[in-house]
C-alpha atoms as a PDB file:
ATOM      1  CA  MET A   1     124.833 -96.992 117.307  1.00  0.00           C
ATOM      2  CA  THR A   2     122.325 -94.454 118.652  1.00  0.00           C
ATOM      3  CA  ALA A   3     118.698 -93.987 116.665  1.00  0.00           C
ATOM      4  CA  ALA A   4     119.944 -90.897 115.275  1.00  0.00           C
ATOM      5  CA  ASN A   5     122.811 -92.701 113.638  1.00  0.00           C
ATOM      6  CA  ARG A   6     120.855 -95.741 111.973  1.00  0.00           C
ATOM      7  CA  PRO A   7     120.774 -95.477 108.189  1.00  0.00           C
ATOM      8  CA  GLU A   8     117.523 -97.482 108.015  1.00  0.00           C
ATOM      9  CA  LYS A   9     115.741 -94.649 109.695  1.00  0.00           C
ATOM     10  CA  LEU A  10     117.070 -91.880 107.074  1.00  0.00           C
ATOM     11  CA  VAL A  11     114.202 -91.341 104.758  1.00  0.00           C
ATOM     12  CA  THR A  12     115.697 -88.553 102.567  1.00  0.00           C
ATOM     13  CA  ALA A  13     119.190 -88.101 100.874  1.00  0.00           C
ATOM     14  CA  GLU A  14     119.450 -84.983 102.854  1.00  0.00           C
ATOM     15  CA  ASP A  15     119.180 -86.991 105.888  1.00  0.00           C
ATOM     16  CA  ALA A  16     121.812 -89.091 104.787  1.00  0.00           C
ATOM     17  CA  LEU A  17     124.096 -86.510 104.015  1.00  0.00           C
ATOM     18  CA  LYS A  18     123.655 -84.681 107.321  1.00  0.00           C
ATOM     19  CA  GLN A  19     124.188 -87.900 109.131  1.00  0.00           C
ATOM     20  CA  ALA A  20     127.351 -88.685 107.089  1.00  0.00           C
ATOM     21  CA  ILE A  21     128.615 -84.712 107.647  1.00  0.00           C
ATOM     22  CA  LEU A  22     128.234 -85.423 111.539  1.00  0.00           C
ATOM     23  CA  LEU A  23     130.021 -88.674 111.163  1.00  0.00           C
ATOM     24  CA  GLU A  24     133.005 -87.102 109.397  1.00  0.00           C
ATOM     25  CA  MET A  25     132.970 -84.111 111.737  1.00  0.00           C
ATOM     26  CA  ASN A  26     133.328 -86.259 114.716  1.00  0.00           C
ATOM     27  CA  GLY A  27     136.061 -88.556 113.204  1.00  0.00           C
ATOM     28  CA  HIS A  28     137.894 -85.301 112.115  1.00  0.00           C
ATOM     29  CA  GLU A  29     137.969 -84.062 115.622  1.00  0.00           C
ATOM     30  CA  TYR A  30     138.662 -87.268 117.076  1.00  0.00           C
ATOM     31  CA  PHE A  31     142.000 -87.685 114.777  1.00  0.00           C
ATOM     32  CA  ILE A  32     142.858 -83.834 115.841  1.00  0.00           C
ATOM     33  CA  MET A  33     142.546 -84.531 119.629  1.00  0.00           C
ATOM     34  CA  ALA A  34     144.682 -87.858 118.941  1.00  0.00           C
ATOM     35  CA  ALA A  35     147.342 -86.227 117.284  1.00  0.00           C
ATOM     36  CA  LYS A  36     147.648 -83.401 119.895  1.00  0.00           C
ATOM     37  CA  MET A  37     147.753 -86.102 122.819  1.00  0.00           C
ATOM     38  CA  ALA A  38     150.037 -88.400 121.140  1.00  0.00           C
ATOM     39  CA  ARG A  39     153.098 -89.659 122.813  1.00  0.00           C
ATOM     40  CA  SER A  40     155.051 -90.814 119.823  1.00  0.00           C
ATOM     41  CA  GLU A  41     155.875 -88.695 116.779  1.00  0.00           C
ATOM     42  CA  ALA A  42     154.689 -91.709 114.525  1.00  0.00           C
ATOM     43  CA  ALA A  43     151.165 -91.636 116.077  1.00  0.00           C
ATOM     44  CA  ARG A  44     150.959 -87.943 115.682  1.00  0.00           C
ATOM     45  CA  GLU A  45     151.962 -88.267 112.134  1.00  0.00           C
ATOM     46  CA  LEU A  46     149.402 -91.207 111.436  1.00  0.00           C
ATOM     47  CA  PHE A  47     146.686 -89.326 113.375  1.00  0.00           C
ATOM     48  CA  GLU A  48     147.119 -85.998 111.624  1.00  0.00           C
ATOM     49  CA  PHE A  49     147.011 -88.042 108.271  1.00  0.00           C
ATOM     50  CA  MET A  50     143.804 -89.255 109.159  1.00  0.00           C
ATOM     51  CA  ALA A  51     142.453 -85.993 110.286  1.00  0.00           C
ATOM     52  CA  LYS A  52     143.299 -84.595 106.750  1.00  0.00           C
ATOM     53  CA  GLU A  53     141.492 -87.723 105.351  1.00  0.00           C
ATOM     54  CA  GLU A  54     138.420 -87.298 107.332  1.00  0.00           C
ATOM     55  CA  GLU A  55     138.485 -83.072 106.543  1.00  0.00           C
ATOM     56  CA  HIS A  56     138.520 -84.276 102.815  1.00  0.00           C
ATOM     57  CA  HIS A  57     135.765 -86.347 103.202  1.00  0.00           C
ATOM     58  CA  LEU A  58     133.768 -83.725 104.935  1.00  0.00           C
ATOM     59  CA  LYS A  59     134.617 -81.156 102.140  1.00  0.00           C
ATOM     60  CA  VAL A  60     133.332 -83.919  99.612  1.00  0.00           C
ATOM     61  CA  LEU A  61     130.043 -84.279 101.545  1.00  0.00           C
ATOM     62  CA  LYS A  62     129.287 -80.700 101.852  1.00  0.00           C
ATOM     63  CA  ILE A  63     129.976 -80.093  98.060  1.00  0.00           C
ATOM     64  CA  THR A  64     127.489 -83.004  97.617  1.00  0.00           C
ATOM     65  CA  PHE A  65     124.875 -81.455 100.142  1.00  0.00           C
ATOM     66  CA  LYS A  66     125.038 -77.992  98.677  1.00  0.00           C
ATOM     67  CA  ASN A  67     124.479 -79.484  95.067  1.00  0.00           C
ATOM     68  CA  LEU A  68     121.499 -81.552  96.525  1.00  0.00           C
ATOM     69  CA  MET A  69     120.275 -78.427  98.265  1.00  0.00           C
ATOM     70  CA  ASP A  70     120.585 -76.136  95.128  1.00  0.00           C
ATOM     71  CA  SER A  71     119.552 -78.635  92.528  1.00  0.00           C
ATOM     72  CA  GLY A  72     117.299 -81.207  94.313  1.00  0.00           C
ATOM     73  CA  LYS A  73     119.197 -84.274  92.987  1.00  0.00           C
ATOM     74  CA  TRP A  74     122.429 -86.076  93.695  1.00  0.00           C
ATOM     75  CA  GLU A  75     125.582 -84.533  91.939  1.00  0.00           C
ATOM     76  CA  LEU A  76     128.617 -85.770  93.067  1.00  0.00           C
ATOM     77  CA  PRO A  77     131.694 -83.296  93.098  1.00  0.00           C
ATOM     78  CA  THR A  78     134.041 -83.123  90.371  1.00  0.00           C
ATOM     79  CA  GLU A  79     136.823 -85.777  89.953  1.00  0.00           C
ATOM     80  CA  GLU A  80     139.260 -82.740  90.577  1.00  0.00           C
ATOM     81  CA  GLU A  81     137.379 -82.114  94.025  1.00  0.00           C
ATOM     82  CA  LEU A  82     137.435 -85.872  94.734  1.00  0.00           C
ATOM     83  CA  LYS A  83     141.216 -86.073  94.586  1.00  0.00           C
ATOM     84  CA  PHE A  84     143.413 -86.378  97.743  1.00  0.00           C
ATOM     85  CA  ALA A  85     147.054 -86.099  97.733  1.00  0.00           C
ATOM     86  CA  PHE A  86     148.443 -86.196 101.305  1.00  0.00           C
ATOM     87  CA  ASP A  87     151.473 -88.677 101.550  1.00  0.00           C
ATOM     88  CA  ASP A  88     150.026 -91.716 103.765  1.00  0.00           C
ATOM     89  CA  PRO A  89     152.482 -92.584 106.595  1.00  0.00           C
ATOM     90  CA  ILE A  90     154.585 -95.682 106.373  1.00  0.00           C
ATOM     91  CA  LEU A  91     153.509 -98.331 108.729  1.00  0.00           C
ATOM     92  CA  ASN A  92     156.400-100.643 108.982  1.00  0.00           C
ATOM     93  CA  GLN A  93     158.235-102.297 111.905  1.00  0.00           C
ATOM     94  CA  ASP A  94     160.082 -98.689 112.816  1.00  0.00           C
ATOM     95  CA  PHE A  95     156.586 -97.421 112.997  1.00  0.00           C
ATOM     96  CA  LEU A  96     155.381-100.264 115.355  1.00  0.00           C
ATOM     97  CA  ASP A  97     158.663 -99.828 117.649  1.00  0.00           C
ATOM     98  CA  LYS A  98     157.886 -96.102 117.943  1.00  0.00           C
ATOM     99  CA  LEU A  99     154.230 -96.855 119.042  1.00  0.00           C
ATOM    100  CA  LYS A 100     155.053-100.076 121.387  1.00  0.00           C
ATOM    101  CA  ASP A 101     155.728 -97.998 124.408  1.00  0.00           C
ATOM    102  CA  SER A 102     152.885 -95.876 124.498  1.00  0.00           C
ATOM    103  CA  TYR A 103     149.711 -97.145 125.886  1.00  0.00           C
ATOM    104  CA  PHE A 104     147.988 -94.064 124.881  1.00  0.00           C
ATOM    105  CA  ASP A 105     148.927 -94.444 121.425  1.00  0.00           C
ATOM    106  CA  SER A 106     147.933 -97.944 121.232  1.00  0.00           C
ATOM    107  CA  SER A 107     144.442 -97.019 122.759  1.00  0.00           C
ATOM    108  CA  ALA A 108     144.058 -94.343 120.447  1.00  0.00           C
ATOM    109  CA  ILE A 109     144.563 -96.575 117.445  1.00  0.00           C
ATOM    110  CA  ASN A 110     141.935 -99.097 118.878  1.00  0.00           C
ATOM    111  CA  VAL A 111     139.437 -96.199 119.488  1.00  0.00           C
ATOM    112  CA  ALA A 112     140.210 -95.259 115.920  1.00  0.00           C
ATOM    113  CA  LEU A 113     139.482 -98.910 114.768  1.00  0.00           C
ATOM    114  CA  THR A 114     135.985 -98.642 116.192  1.00  0.00           C
ATOM    115  CA  LEU A 115     135.295 -95.399 114.734  1.00  0.00           C
ATOM    116  CA  GLU A 116     136.210 -96.422 111.187  1.00  0.00           C
ATOM    117  CA  GLU A 117     134.115 -99.617 111.565  1.00  0.00           C
ATOM    118  CA  LYS A 118     131.202 -97.489 112.548  1.00  0.00           C
ATOM    119  CA  ALA A 119     131.817 -95.226 109.419  1.00  0.00           C
ATOM    120  CA  PHE A 120     131.962 -97.986 107.097  1.00  0.00           C
ATOM    121  CA  LYS A 121     128.838 -99.650 108.208  1.00  0.00           C
ATOM    122  CA  PHE A 122     127.066 -96.767 108.204  1.00  0.00           C
ATOM    123  CA  TYR A 123     128.229 -95.968 104.642  1.00  0.00           C
ATOM    124  CA  GLN A 124     127.187 -99.405 103.558  1.00  0.00           C
ATOM    125  CA  GLU A 125     123.809 -98.884 105.025  1.00  0.00           C
ATOM    126  CA  ALA A 126     122.999 -95.661 103.361  1.00  0.00           C
ATOM    127  CA  GLU A 127     124.183 -96.963 100.026  1.00  0.00           C
ATOM    128  CA  LYS A 128     121.567-100.031 100.643  1.00  0.00           C
ATOM    129  CA  ASN A 129     118.820 -97.310 101.670  1.00  0.00           C
ATOM    130  CA  THR A 130     119.645 -94.946  98.782  1.00  0.00           C
ATOM    131  CA  GLU A 131     117.772 -95.208  95.523  1.00  0.00           C
ATOM    132  CA  ASP A 132     119.783 -92.664  93.445  1.00  0.00           C
ATOM    133  CA  PRO A 133     122.748 -93.853  91.590  1.00  0.00           C
ATOM    134  CA  GLU A 134     124.698 -91.038  92.318  1.00  0.00           C
ATOM    135  CA  GLY A 135     124.140 -91.342  95.783  1.00  0.00           C
ATOM    136  CA  LYS A 136     125.069 -95.061  95.724  1.00  0.00           C
ATOM    137  CA  LYS A 137     128.199 -94.300  94.085  1.00  0.00           C
ATOM    138  CA  LEU A 138     128.971 -91.781  97.046  1.00  0.00           C
ATOM    139  CA  PHE A 139     128.090 -93.914  99.544  1.00  0.00           C
ATOM    140  CA  ARG A 140     130.119 -96.917  97.934  1.00  0.00           C
ATOM    141  CA  TRP A 141     133.211 -94.469  97.386  1.00  0.00           C
ATOM    142  CA  LEU A 142     132.926 -93.615 101.252  1.00  0.00           C
ATOM    143  CA  THR A 143     132.338 -97.097 102.351  1.00  0.00           C
ATOM    144  CA  GLU A 144     135.699 -98.195 100.456  1.00  0.00           C
ATOM    145  CA  TRP A 145     137.634 -95.602 101.680  1.00  0.00           C
ATOM    146  CA  GLU A 146     136.513 -96.106 105.355  1.00  0.00           C
ATOM    147  CA  MET A 147     137.015 -99.967 104.858  1.00  0.00           C
ATOM    148  CA  GLU A 148     140.758 -98.984 103.942  1.00  0.00           C
ATOM    149  CA  HIS A 149     141.102 -97.032 107.064  1.00  0.00           C
ATOM    150  CA  HIS A 150     139.669 -99.722 109.145  1.00  0.00           C
ATOM    151  CA  GLU A 151     142.036-102.210 107.847  1.00  0.00           C
ATOM    152  CA  ARG A 152     144.941-100.007 108.523  1.00  0.00           C
ATOM    153  CA  PHE A 153     143.981 -99.736 111.803  1.00  0.00           C
ATOM    154  CA  ARG A 154     143.142-103.175 112.570  1.00  0.00           C
ATOM    155  CA  LYS A 155     146.466-104.390 111.194  1.00  0.00           C
ATOM    156  CA  LEU A 156     148.091-101.959 113.644  1.00  0.00           C
ATOM    157  CA  ASP A 157     145.852-102.823 116.432  1.00  0.00           C
ATOM    158  CA  ASP A 158     146.706-106.748 115.818  1.00  0.00           C
ATOM    159  CA  GLU A 159     150.499-106.229 115.582  1.00  0.00           C
ATOM    160  CA  LEU A 160     150.465-103.783 118.710  1.00  0.00           C
ATOM    161  CA  ARG A 161     148.623-106.618 120.412  1.00  0.00           C
ATOM    162  CA  GLU A 162     150.607-109.206 119.511  1.00  0.00           C
ATOM    163  CA  GLU A 163     153.958-107.105 120.372  1.00  0.00           C
ATOM    164  CA  TYR A 164     152.193-106.420 123.748  1.00  0.00           C
ATOM    165  CA  TRP A 165     151.602-110.144 124.298  1.00  0.00           C
ATOM    166  CA  ASN A 166     155.136-111.349 123.281  1.00  0.00           C
ATOM    167  CA  ASN A 167     156.809-108.940 125.722  1.00  0.00           C
ATOM    168  CA  SER A 168     154.346-109.873 128.462  1.00  0.00           C
ATOM    169  CA  ASN A 169     155.095-113.610 127.853  1.00  0.00           C
ATOM    170  CA  PHE A 170     151.198-113.611 127.556  1.00  0.00           C
ATOM    171  CA  TRP A 171     149.430-115.683 125.166  1.00  0.00           C
ATOM    172  CA  PRO A 172     145.565-116.298 125.467  1.00  0.00           C
ATOM    173  CA  MET A 173     144.865-120.289 125.391  1.00  0.00           C
END
């Protein structure tokens, strides 16, 4: 993590939100690129879904930032603004079968795993370093969501690696 991304260096709510916005923008752009370059339809659908989720996070953060700038205090978006209603791709054996022949898709999933880990760790630290209860609530919500993303990609990465090792008759000792 670069010095600019270290939450412990953030001194204001404004700093934390600016960094969070950049983090979500980077995630959104990555998933857009990965969707365009995906070799399988299954991966394209997954990356498009993730791009929509990152776009939603970005919307929530921008609303929160505007509220902070307008009022000088944390004011979370409304429940309606926090809602998210895209259909999550079904990650089953058929999905894995469609991914296993594409090294690009597998590699993109591995990179996504790293991005999601970076995101949830950032939000965990931001929550620790934010004194305002509404800020803590926002960062906790984002941490939980990013941890769900991370877990999804971790499982996919594990299953794809196991599939690759099985197909290659390779198992580390």
